[in-house]
Amino acid sequence: MATTYFWQDELAAGQVRLGLTQEAQEALGKIRFVDLPEIGTSLTVGKPFLSVEAEKAVLDLEAPLAGTVVDVHRELSDKPALLDETDHNDNWAVTVSTK
C-alpha cells in the first residue's frame, strides 16, 4: 500500500518530497485530520509514520522509503483537505533526507 499511496519528487540530492497519490485520495475520501511526524523523525520502509482520518478510513500510513524527516507541510494541521488537491505544491506531507 505505501508505495502506491505516495508520490515522490526528488527536490535536491538526497531529499525527496512525499505526498498522496490520486489512488490514495480515492481510497481514503476527503481528508479531515492529519498527524504529521516531527522534523528529525527516522522513517523505516513499511513502518507507520503518518496518520490520517478521512471519510472512508482512519489509517496509519507506512513509509515508502527510509530516511529522516527534514520538513513537514505545517499548513496541513489547519487545512488537512490540502491532501485532497492534485497539485504537488499543495498535497505534499513531508520532505525526507535519504542520505
PDB file of N, CA and C in Angstrom:
ATOM      1  N   MET A   1       0.819  -1.194   0.000  1.00  0.00           N
ATOM      2  CA  MET A   1       0.000   0.000   0.000  1.00  0.00           C
ATOM      3  C   MET A   1       0.863   1.258   0.000  1.00  0.00           C
ATOM      4  N   ALA A   2       1.895   1.304   0.810  1.00  0.00           N
ATOM      5  CA  ALA A   2       2.680   2.530   0.963  1.00  0.00           C
ATOM      6  C   ALA A   2       3.242   3.024  -0.362  1.00  0.00           C
ATOM      7  N   THR A   3       3.706   2.117  -1.192  1.00  0.00           N
ATOM      8  CA  THR A   3       4.331   2.555  -2.428  1.00  0.00           C
ATOM      9  C   THR A   3       3.326   3.119  -3.412  1.00  0.00           C
ATOM     10  N   THR A   4       2.077   2.714  -3.349  1.00  0.00           N
ATOM     11  CA  THR A   4       1.078   3.232  -4.276  1.00  0.00           C
ATOM     12  C   THR A   4       0.324   4.425  -3.710  1.00  0.00           C
ATOM     13  N   TYR A   5       0.444   4.681  -2.433  1.00  0.00           N
ATOM     14  CA  TYR A   5      -0.279   5.789  -1.808  1.00  0.00           C
ATOM     15  C   TYR A   5       0.520   7.086  -1.793  1.00  0.00           C
ATOM     16  N   PHE A   6       1.809   7.027  -2.128  1.00  0.00           N
ATOM     17  CA  PHE A   6       2.636   8.231  -2.091  1.00  0.00           C
ATOM     18  C   PHE A   6       3.326   8.484  -3.412  1.00  0.00           C
ATOM     19  N   TRP A   7       3.245   9.723  -3.883  1.00  0.00           N
ATOM     20  CA  TRP A   7       4.117  10.138  -4.980  1.00  0.00           C
ATOM     21  C   TRP A   7       5.417  10.612  -4.339  1.00  0.00           C
ATOM     22  N   GLN A   8       6.490  10.597  -5.131  1.00  0.00           N
ATOM     23  CA  GLN A   8       7.803  11.011  -4.638  1.00  0.00           C
ATOM     24  C   GLN A   8       8.438  11.947  -5.656  1.00  0.00           C
ATOM     25  N   ASP A   9       8.835  13.138  -5.200  1.00  0.00           N
ATOM     26  CA  ASP A   9       9.548  14.091  -6.049  1.00  0.00           C
ATOM     27  C   ASP A   9      10.921  14.339  -5.439  1.00  0.00           C
ATOM     28  N   GLU A  10      11.972  14.132  -6.241  1.00  0.00           N
ATOM     29  CA  GLU A  10      13.314  14.435  -5.750  1.00  0.00           C
ATOM     30  C   GLU A  10      13.528  15.941  -5.857  1.00  0.00           C
ATOM     31  N   LEU A  11      13.820  16.582  -4.732  1.00  0.00           N
ATOM     32  CA  LEU A  11      13.998  18.036  -4.687  1.00  0.00           C
ATOM     33  C   LEU A  11      15.449  18.434  -4.889  1.00  0.00           C
ATOM     34  N   ALA A  12      16.329  17.757  -4.225  1.00  0.00           N
ATOM     35  CA  ALA A  12      17.766  18.019  -4.299  1.00  0.00           C
ATOM     36  C   ALA A  12      18.444  16.690  -4.010  1.00  0.00           C
ATOM     37  N   ALA A  13      19.731  16.664  -4.160  1.00  0.00           N
ATOM     38  CA  ALA A  13      20.450  15.416  -3.923  1.00  0.00           C
ATOM     39  C   ALA A  13      20.109  14.859  -2.547  1.00  0.00           C
ATOM     40  N   GLY A  14      19.478  13.707  -2.547  1.00  0.00           N
ATOM     41  CA  GLY A  14      19.175  13.038  -1.292  1.00  0.00           C
ATOM     42  C   GLY A  14      17.943  13.522  -0.557  1.00  0.00           C
ATOM     43  N   GLN A  15      17.171  14.466  -1.145  1.00  0.00           N
ATOM     44  CA  GLN A  15      15.941  14.925  -0.498  1.00  0.00           C
ATOM     45  C   GLN A  15      14.744  14.614  -1.385  1.00  0.00           C
ATOM     46  N   VAL A  16      13.733  13.973  -0.773  1.00  0.00           N
ATOM     47  CA  VAL A  16      12.545  13.539  -1.503  1.00  0.00           C
ATOM     48  C   VAL A  16      11.305  14.050  -0.788  1.00  0.00           C
ATOM     49  N   ARG A  17      10.399  14.647  -1.553  1.00  0.00           N
ATOM     50  CA  ARG A  17       9.123  15.119  -1.001  1.00  0.00           C
ATOM     51  C   ARG A  17       8.074  14.045  -1.268  1.00  0.00           C
ATOM     52  N   LEU A  18       7.240  13.767  -0.254  1.00  0.00           N
ATOM     53  CA  LEU A  18       6.189  12.755  -0.359  1.00  0.00           C
ATOM     54  C   LEU A  18       4.818  13.398  -0.243  1.00  0.00           C
ATOM     55  N   GLY A  19       3.886  12.925  -1.056  1.00  0.00           N
ATOM     56  CA  GLY A  19       2.502  13.380  -0.985  1.00  0.00           C
ATOM     57  C   GLY A  19       1.566  12.262  -1.397  1.00  0.00           C
ATOM     58  N   LEU A  20       0.270  12.482  -1.232  1.00  0.00           N
ATOM     59  CA  LEU A  20      -0.713  11.437  -1.529  1.00  0.00           C
ATOM     60  C   LEU A  20      -1.026  11.358  -3.016  1.00  0.00           C
ATOM     61  N   THR A  21      -1.041  10.141  -3.537  1.00  0.00           N
ATOM     62  CA  THR A  21      -1.397   9.910  -4.932  1.00  0.00           C
ATOM     63  C   THR A  21      -2.910   9.990  -5.110  1.00  0.00           C
ATOM     64  N   GLN A  22      -3.324  10.043  -6.367  1.00  0.00           N
ATOM     65  CA  GLN A  22      -4.752  10.042  -6.672  1.00  0.00           C
ATOM     66  C   GLN A  22      -5.399   8.751  -6.171  1.00  0.00           C
ATOM     67  N   GLU A  23      -4.685   7.635  -6.275  1.00  0.00           N
ATOM     68  CA  GLU A  23      -5.198   6.352  -5.776  1.00  0.00           C
ATOM     69  C   GLU A  23      -5.502   6.438  -4.280  1.00  0.00           C
ATOM     70  N   ALA A  24      -4.595   7.029  -3.524  1.00  0.00           N
ATOM     71  CA  ALA A  24      -4.800   7.187  -2.080  1.00  0.00           C
ATOM     72  C   ALA A  24      -5.984   8.103  -1.806  1.00  0.00           C
ATOM     73  N   GLN A  25      -6.068   9.202  -2.551  1.00  0.00           N
ATOM     74  CA  GLN A  25      -7.167  10.146  -2.368  1.00  0.00           C
ATOM     75  C   GLN A  25      -8.514   9.466  -2.599  1.00  0.00           C
ATOM     76  N   GLU A  26      -8.593   8.644  -3.640  1.00  0.00           N
ATOM     77  CA  GLU A  26      -9.846   7.944  -3.944  1.00  0.00           C
ATOM     78  C   GLU A  26     -10.169   6.897  -2.879  1.00  0.00           C
ATOM     79  N   ALA A  27      -9.167   6.185  -2.396  1.00  0.00           N
ATOM     80  CA  ALA A  27      -9.390   5.141  -1.389  1.00  0.00           C
ATOM     81  C   ALA A  27      -9.796   5.729  -0.040  1.00  0.00           C
ATOM     82  N   LEU A  28      -9.236   6.884   0.306  1.00  0.00           N
ATOM     83  CA  LEU A  28      -9.482   7.483   1.616  1.00  0.00           C
ATOM     84  C   LEU A  28     -10.690   8.407   1.650  1.00  0.00           C
ATOM     85  N   GLY A  29     -10.986   9.060   0.545  1.00  0.00           N
ATOM     86  CA  GLY A  29     -12.034  10.082   0.554  1.00  0.00           C
ATOM     87  C   GLY A  29     -11.475  11.375   1.131  1.00  0.00           C
ATOM     88  N   LYS A  30     -12.350  12.292   1.443  1.00  0.00           N
ATOM     89  CA  LYS A  30     -11.938  13.608   1.950  1.00  0.00           C
ATOM     90  C   LYS A  30     -11.133  13.473   3.249  1.00  0.00           C
ATOM     91  N   ILE A  31      -9.979  14.098   3.275  1.00  0.00           N
ATOM     92  CA  ILE A  31      -9.119  14.074   4.460  1.00  0.00           C
ATOM     93  C   ILE A  31      -9.646  15.089   5.470  1.00  0.00           C
ATOM     94  N   ARG A  32      -9.828  14.635   6.706  1.00  0.00           N
ATOM     95  CA  ARG A  32     -10.362  15.508   7.760  1.00  0.00           C
ATOM     96  C   ARG A  32      -9.323  15.870   8.819  1.00  0.00           C
ATOM     97  N   PHE A  33      -8.311  15.029   8.984  1.00  0.00           N
ATOM     98  CA  PHE A  33      -7.282  15.266  10.008  1.00  0.00           C
ATOM     99  C   PHE A  33      -6.008  14.554   9.586  1.00  0.00           C
ATOM    100  N   VAL A  34      -4.879  15.167   9.888  1.00  0.00           N
ATOM    101  CA  VAL A  34      -3.590  14.530   9.617  1.00  0.00           C
ATOM    102  C   VAL A  34      -2.664  14.770  10.807  1.00  0.00           C
ATOM    103  N   ASP A  35      -1.958  13.722  11.213  1.00  0.00           N
ATOM    104  CA  ASP A  35      -0.977  13.811  12.295  1.00  0.00           C
ATOM    105  C   ASP A  35       0.399  13.626  11.660  1.00  0.00           C
ATOM    106  N   LEU A  36       1.121  14.726  11.541  1.00  0.00           N
ATOM    107  CA  LEU A  36       2.418  14.725  10.874  1.00  0.00           C
ATOM    108  C   LEU A  36       3.535  14.309  11.822  1.00  0.00           C
ATOM    109  N   PRO A  37       4.571  13.668  11.286  1.00  0.00           N
ATOM    110  CA  PRO A  37       5.730  13.349  12.131  1.00  0.00           C
ATOM    111  C   PRO A  37       6.510  14.625  12.435  1.00  0.00           C
ATOM    112  N   GLU A  38       7.340  14.570  13.445  1.00  0.00           N
ATOM    113  CA  GLU A  38       8.204  15.697  13.802  1.00  0.00           C
ATOM    114  C   GLU A  38       9.433  15.714  12.894  1.00  0.00           C
ATOM    115  N   ILE A  39       9.972  16.902  12.664  1.00  0.00           N
ATOM    116  CA  ILE A  39      11.251  17.006  11.962  1.00  0.00           C
ATOM    117  C   ILE A  39      12.286  16.242  12.789  1.00  0.00           C
ATOM    118  N   GLY A  40      13.093  15.448  12.102  1.00  0.00           N
ATOM    119  CA  GLY A  40      14.089  14.621  12.779  1.00  0.00           C
ATOM    120  C   GLY A  40      13.649  13.178  12.970  1.00  0.00           C
ATOM    121  N   THR A  41      12.365  12.892  12.704  1.00  0.00           N
ATOM    122  CA  THR A  41      11.859  11.528  12.825  1.00  0.00           C
ATOM    123  C   THR A  41      12.526  10.629  11.785  1.00  0.00           C
ATOM    124  N   SER A  42      12.992   9.458  12.204  1.00  0.00           N
ATOM    125  CA  SER A  42      13.570   8.477  11.281  1.00  0.00           C
ATOM    126  C   SER A  42      12.456   7.624  10.693  1.00  0.00           C
ATOM    127  N   LEU A  43      12.475   7.467   9.369  1.00  0.00           N
ATOM    128  CA  LEU A  43      11.494   6.630   8.685  1.00  0.00           C
ATOM    129  C   LEU A  43      12.125   5.302   8.304  1.00  0.00           C
ATOM    130  N   THR A  44      11.332   4.244   8.449  1.00  0.00           N
ATOM    131  CA  THR A  44      11.727   2.903   8.052  1.00  0.00           C
ATOM    132  C   THR A  44      10.684   2.399   7.069  1.00  0.00           C
ATOM    133  N   VAL A  45      11.134   1.842   5.957  1.00  0.00           N
ATOM    134  CA  VAL A  45      10.208   1.334   4.948  1.00  0.00           C
ATOM    135  C   VAL A  45       9.216   0.367   5.587  1.00  0.00           C
ATOM    136  N   GLY A  46       7.932   0.587   5.322  1.00  0.00           N
ATOM    137  CA  GLY A  46       6.887  -0.303   5.815  1.00  0.00           C
ATOM    138  C   GLY A  46       6.406  -0.015   7.223  1.00  0.00           C
ATOM    139  N   LYS A  47       7.022   0.947   7.900  1.00  0.00           N
ATOM    140  CA  LYS A  47       6.610   1.303   9.266  1.00  0.00           C
ATOM    141  C   LYS A  47       5.746   2.565   9.221  1.00  0.00           C
ATOM    142  N   PRO A  48       4.691   2.630  10.048  1.00  0.00           N
ATOM    143  CA  PRO A  48       3.809   3.806  10.053  1.00  0.00           C
ATOM    144  C   PRO A  48       4.560   5.089  10.406  1.00  0.00           C
ATOM    145  N   PHE A  49       4.191   6.177   9.697  1.00  0.00           N
ATOM    146  CA  PHE A  49       4.806   7.474  10.001  1.00  0.00           C
ATOM    147  C   PHE A  49       3.826   8.635   9.889  1.00  0.00           C
ATOM    148  N   LEU A  50       2.671   8.408   9.261  1.00  0.00           N
ATOM    149  CA  LEU A  50       1.709   9.482   9.013  1.00  0.00           C
ATOM    150  C   LEU A  50       0.308   8.946   9.272  1.00  0.00           C
ATOM    151  N   SER A  51      -0.437   9.618  10.142  1.00  0.00           N
ATOM    152  CA  SER A  51      -1.808   9.194  10.455  1.00  0.00           C
ATOM    153  C   SER A  51      -2.792  10.137   9.789  1.00  0.00           C
ATOM    154  N   VAL A  52      -3.822   9.555   9.164  1.00  0.00           N
ATOM    155  CA  VAL A  52      -4.870  10.375   8.552  1.00  0.00           C
ATOM    156  C   VAL A  52      -6.242   9.864   8.962  1.00  0.00           C
ATOM    157  N   GLU A  53      -7.144  10.805   9.133  1.00  0.00           N
ATOM    158  CA  GLU A  53      -8.558  10.492   9.326  1.00  0.00           C
ATOM    159  C   GLU A  53      -9.269  11.055   8.112  1.00  0.00           C
ATOM    160  N   ALA A  54     -10.005  10.189   7.425  1.00  0.00           N
ATOM    161  CA  ALA A  54     -10.707  10.590   6.214  1.00  0.00           C
ATOM    162  C   ALA A  54     -12.123  10.042   6.254  1.00  0.00           C
ATOM    163  N   GLU A  55     -12.923  10.419   5.250  1.00  0.00           N
ATOM    164  CA  GLU A  55     -14.323   9.998   5.276  1.00  0.00           C
ATOM    165  C   GLU A  55     -14.495   8.488   5.107  1.00  0.00           C
ATOM    166  N   LYS A  56     -13.544   7.809   4.474  1.00  0.00           N
ATOM    167  CA  LYS A  56     -13.673   6.369   4.242  1.00  0.00           C
ATOM    168  C   LYS A  56     -12.798   5.507   5.142  1.00  0.00           C
ATOM    169  N   ALA A  57     -11.816   6.117   5.814  1.00  0.00           N
ATOM    170  CA  ALA A  57     -10.888   5.312   6.616  1.00  0.00           C
ATOM    171  C   ALA A  57     -10.099   6.182   7.588  1.00  0.00           C
ATOM    172  N   VAL A  58      -9.627   5.533   8.630  1.00  0.00           N
ATOM    173  CA  VAL A  58      -8.650   6.119   9.551  1.00  0.00           C
ATOM    174  C   VAL A  58      -7.445   5.188   9.481  1.00  0.00           C
ATOM    175  N   LEU A  59      -6.305   5.734   9.047  1.00  0.00           N
ATOM    176  CA  LEU A  59      -5.144   4.881   8.790  1.00  0.00           C
ATOM    177  C   LEU A  59      -3.846   5.484   9.295  1.00  0.00           C
ATOM    178  N   ASP A  60      -2.929   4.591   9.639  1.00  0.00           N
ATOM    179  CA  ASP A  60      -1.534   4.956   9.844  1.00  0.00           C
ATOM    180  C   ASP A  60      -0.827   4.519   8.570  1.00  0.00           C
ATOM    181  N   LEU A  61      -0.367   5.476   7.781  1.00  0.00           N
ATOM    182  CA  LEU A  61       0.259   5.163   6.507  1.00  0.00           C
ATOM    183  C   LEU A  61       1.730   4.831   6.704  1.00  0.00           C
ATOM    184  N   GLU A  62       2.194   3.863   5.918  1.00  0.00           N
ATOM    185  CA  GLU A  62       3.556   3.347   6.048  1.00  0.00           C
ATOM    186  C   GLU A  62       4.528   4.086   5.142  1.00  0.00           C
ATOM    187  N   ALA A  63       5.735   4.252   5.618  1.00  0.00           N
ATOM    188  CA  ALA A  63       6.778   4.943   4.861  1.00  0.00           C
ATOM    189  C   ALA A  63       7.169   4.140   3.617  1.00  0.00           C
ATOM    190  N   PRO A  64       7.217   4.805   2.453  1.00  0.00           N
ATOM    191  CA  PRO A  64       7.633   4.126   1.232  1.00  0.00           C
ATOM    192  C   PRO A  64       9.148   4.119   1.046  1.00  0.00           C
ATOM    193  N   LEU A  65       9.863   4.863   1.908  1.00  0.00           N
ATOM    194  CA  LEU A  65      11.323   4.921   1.822  1.00  0.00           C
ATOM    195  C   LEU A  65      11.906   5.181   3.206  1.00  0.00           C
ATOM    196  N   ALA A  66      13.187   4.930   3.323  1.00  0.00           N
ATOM    197  CA  ALA A  66      13.881   5.156   4.599  1.00  0.00           C
ATOM    198  C   ALA A  66      14.588   6.499   4.558  1.00  0.00           C
ATOM    199  N   GLY A  67      14.681   7.130   5.708  1.00  0.00           N
ATOM    200  CA  GLY A  67      15.372   8.407   5.794  1.00  0.00           C
ATOM    201  C   GLY A  67      14.952   9.167   7.033  1.00  0.00           C
ATOM    202  N   THR A  68      15.246  10.459   7.027  1.00  0.00           N
ATOM    203  CA  THR A  68      14.932  11.333   8.152  1.00  0.00           C
ATOM    204  C   THR A  68      14.075  12.491   7.670  1.00  0.00           C
ATOM    205  N   VAL A  69      12.999  12.777   8.386  1.00  0.00           N
ATOM    206  CA  VAL A  69      12.117  13.890   8.034  1.00  0.00           C
ATOM    207  C   VAL A  69      12.873  15.200   8.262  1.00  0.00           C
ATOM    208  N   VAL A  70      12.978  16.020   7.192  1.00  0.00           N
ATOM    209  CA  VAL A  70      13.673  17.304   7.300  1.00  0.00           C
ATOM    210  C   VAL A  70      12.721  18.492   7.148  1.00  0.00           C
ATOM    211  N   ASP A  71      11.488  18.232   6.699  1.00  0.00           N
ATOM    212  CA  ASP A  71      10.489  19.292   6.569  1.00  0.00           C
ATOM    213  C   ASP A  71       9.106  18.659   6.599  1.00  0.00           C
ATOM    214  N   VAL A  72       8.149  19.377   7.164  1.00  0.00           N
ATOM    215  CA  VAL A  72       6.755  18.933   7.163  1.00  0.00           C
ATOM    216  C   VAL A  72       5.892  20.075   6.652  1.00  0.00           C
ATOM    217  N   HIS A  73       4.796  19.725   6.011  1.00  0.00           N
ATOM    218  CA  HIS A  73       3.847  20.709   5.484  1.00  0.00           C
ATOM    219  C   HIS A  73       2.921  21.130   6.628  1.00  0.00           C
ATOM    220  N   ARG A  74       3.373  22.092   7.401  1.00  0.00           N
ATOM    221  CA  ARG A  74       2.663  22.508   8.620  1.00  0.00           C
ATOM    222  C   ARG A  74       1.252  23.018   8.355  1.00  0.00           C
ATOM    223  N   GLU A  75       1.017  23.543   7.172  1.00  0.00           N
ATOM    224  CA  GLU A  75      -0.312  24.065   6.835  1.00  0.00           C
ATOM    225  C   GLU A  75      -1.379  22.972   6.906  1.00  0.00           C
ATOM    226  N   LEU A  76      -0.968  21.706   6.782  1.00  0.00           N
ATOM    227  CA  LEU A  76      -1.921  20.593   6.849  1.00  0.00           C
ATOM    228  C   LEU A  76      -2.586  20.486   8.217  1.00  0.00           C
ATOM    229  N   SER A  77      -1.942  20.973   9.253  1.00  0.00           N
ATOM    230  CA  SER A  77      -2.535  20.911  10.595  1.00  0.00           C
ATOM    231  C   SER A  77      -3.854  21.672  10.644  1.00  0.00           C
ATOM    232  N   ASP A  78      -3.904  22.819   9.968  1.00  0.00           N
ATOM    233  CA  ASP A  78      -5.127  23.623   9.924  1.00  0.00           C
ATOM    234  C   ASP A  78      -5.982  23.328   8.703  1.00  0.00           C
ATOM    235  N   LYS A  79      -5.351  22.842   7.635  1.00  0.00           N
ATOM    236  CA  LYS A  79      -6.057  22.596   6.374  1.00  0.00           C
ATOM    237  C   LYS A  79      -5.726  21.204   5.839  1.00  0.00           C
ATOM    238  N   PRO A  80      -6.168  20.141   6.529  1.00  0.00           N
ATOM    239  CA  PRO A  80      -5.834  18.784   6.076  1.00  0.00           C
ATOM    240  C   PRO A  80      -6.377  18.464   4.687  1.00  0.00           C
ATOM    241  N   ALA A  81      -7.420  19.172   4.258  1.00  0.00           N
ATOM    242  CA  ALA A  81      -8.004  18.926   2.941  1.00  0.00           C
ATOM    243  C   ALA A  81      -7.039  19.258   1.806  1.00  0.00           C
ATOM    244  N   LEU A  82      -5.932  19.935   2.099  1.00  0.00           N
ATOM    245  CA  LEU A  82      -4.929  20.172   1.058  1.00  0.00           C
ATOM    246  C   LEU A  82      -4.410  18.850   0.496  1.00  0.00           C
ATOM    247  N   LEU A  83      -4.460  17.789   1.296  1.00  0.00           N
ATOM    248  CA  LEU A  83      -4.021  16.475   0.801  1.00  0.00           C
ATOM    249  C   LEU A  83      -4.961  15.920  -0.270  1.00  0.00           C
ATOM    250  N   ASP A  84      -6.137  16.523  -0.419  1.00  0.00           N
ATOM    251  CA  ASP A  84      -7.083  16.108  -1.455  1.00  0.00           C
ATOM    252  C   ASP A  84      -6.795  16.779  -2.795  1.00  0.00           C
ATOM    253  N   GLU A  85      -5.921  17.770  -2.797  1.00  0.00           N
ATOM    254  CA  GLU A  85      -5.602  18.511  -4.016  1.00  0.00           C
ATOM    255  C   GLU A  85      -4.749  17.664  -4.959  1.00  0.00           C
ATOM    256  N   THR A  86      -4.745  18.039  -6.245  1.00  0.00           N
ATOM    257  CA  THR A  86      -3.929  17.320  -7.224  1.00  0.00           C
ATOM    258  C   THR A  86      -2.563  17.973  -7.428  1.00  0.00           C
ATOM    259  N   ASP A  87      -2.436  19.237  -7.075  1.00  0.00           N
ATOM    260  CA  ASP A  87      -1.185  19.972  -7.242  1.00  0.00           C
ATOM    261  C   ASP A  87      -0.175  19.534  -6.173  1.00  0.00           C
ATOM    262  N   HIS A  88       0.992  19.094  -6.607  1.00  0.00           N
ATOM    263  CA  HIS A  88       2.028  18.634  -5.675  1.00  0.00           C
ATOM    264  C   HIS A  88       2.507  19.745  -4.741  1.00  0.00           C
ATOM    265  N   ASN A  89       2.318  21.004  -5.125  1.00  0.00           N
ATOM    266  CA  ASN A  89       2.685  22.115  -4.241  1.00  0.00           C
ATOM    267  C   ASN A  89       1.750  22.206  -3.043  1.00  0.00           C
ATOM    268  N   ASP A  90       0.551  21.628  -3.166  1.00  0.00           N
ATOM    269  CA  ASP A  90      -0.439  21.659  -2.090  1.00  0.00           C
ATOM    270  C   ASP A  90      -0.502  20.357  -1.301  1.00  0.00           C
ATOM    271  N   ASN A  91      -0.435  19.203  -1.987  1.00  0.00           N
ATOM    272  CA  ASN A  91      -0.732  17.942  -1.301  1.00  0.00           C
ATOM    273  C   ASN A  91       0.493  17.142  -0.849  1.00  0.00           C
ATOM    274  N   TRP A  92       1.583  17.824  -0.594  1.00  0.00           N
ATOM    275  CA  TRP A  92       2.743  17.126  -0.025  1.00  0.00           C
ATOM    276  C   TRP A  92       2.608  17.092   1.490  1.00  0.00           C
ATOM    277  N   ALA A  93       3.244  16.101   2.099  1.00  0.00           N
ATOM    278  CA  ALA A  93       3.173  15.948   3.554  1.00  0.00           C
ATOM    279  C   ALA A  93       4.529  16.172   4.221  1.00  0.00           C
ATOM    280  N   VAL A  94       5.566  15.522   3.705  1.00  0.00           N
ATOM    281  CA  VAL A  94       6.894  15.628   4.320  1.00  0.00           C
ATOM    282  C   VAL A  94       7.987  15.635   3.259  1.00  0.00           C
ATOM    283  N   THR A  95       9.138  16.155   3.662  1.00  0.00           N
ATOM    284  CA  THR A  95      10.355  16.030   2.867  1.00  0.00           C
ATOM    285  C   THR A  95      11.321  15.180   3.686  1.00  0.00           C
ATOM    286  N   VAL A  96      11.921  14.204   3.014  1.00  0.00           N
ATOM    287  CA  VAL A  96      12.779  13.224   3.680  1.00  0.00           C
ATOM    288  C   VAL A  96      14.187  13.281   3.094  1.00  0.00           C
ATOM    289  N   SER A  97      15.176  13.263   3.970  1.00  0.00           N
ATOM    290  CA  SER A  97      16.562  13.126   3.539  1.00  0.00           C
ATOM    291  C   SER A  97      16.883  11.638   3.543  1.00  0.00           C
ATOM    292  N   THR A  98      17.311  11.138   2.395  1.00  0.00           N
ATOM    293  CA  THR A  98      17.605   9.707   2.284  1.00  0.00           C
ATOM    294  C   THR A  98      19.087   9.416   2.468  1.00  0.00           C
ATOM    295  N   LYS A  99      19.880  10.437   2.766  1.00  0.00           N
ATOM    296  CA  LYS A  99      21.333  10.255   2.961  1.00  0.00           C
ATOM    297  C   LYS A  99      21.630   9.696   4.323  1.00  0.00           C
TER     298      LYS A  99
END
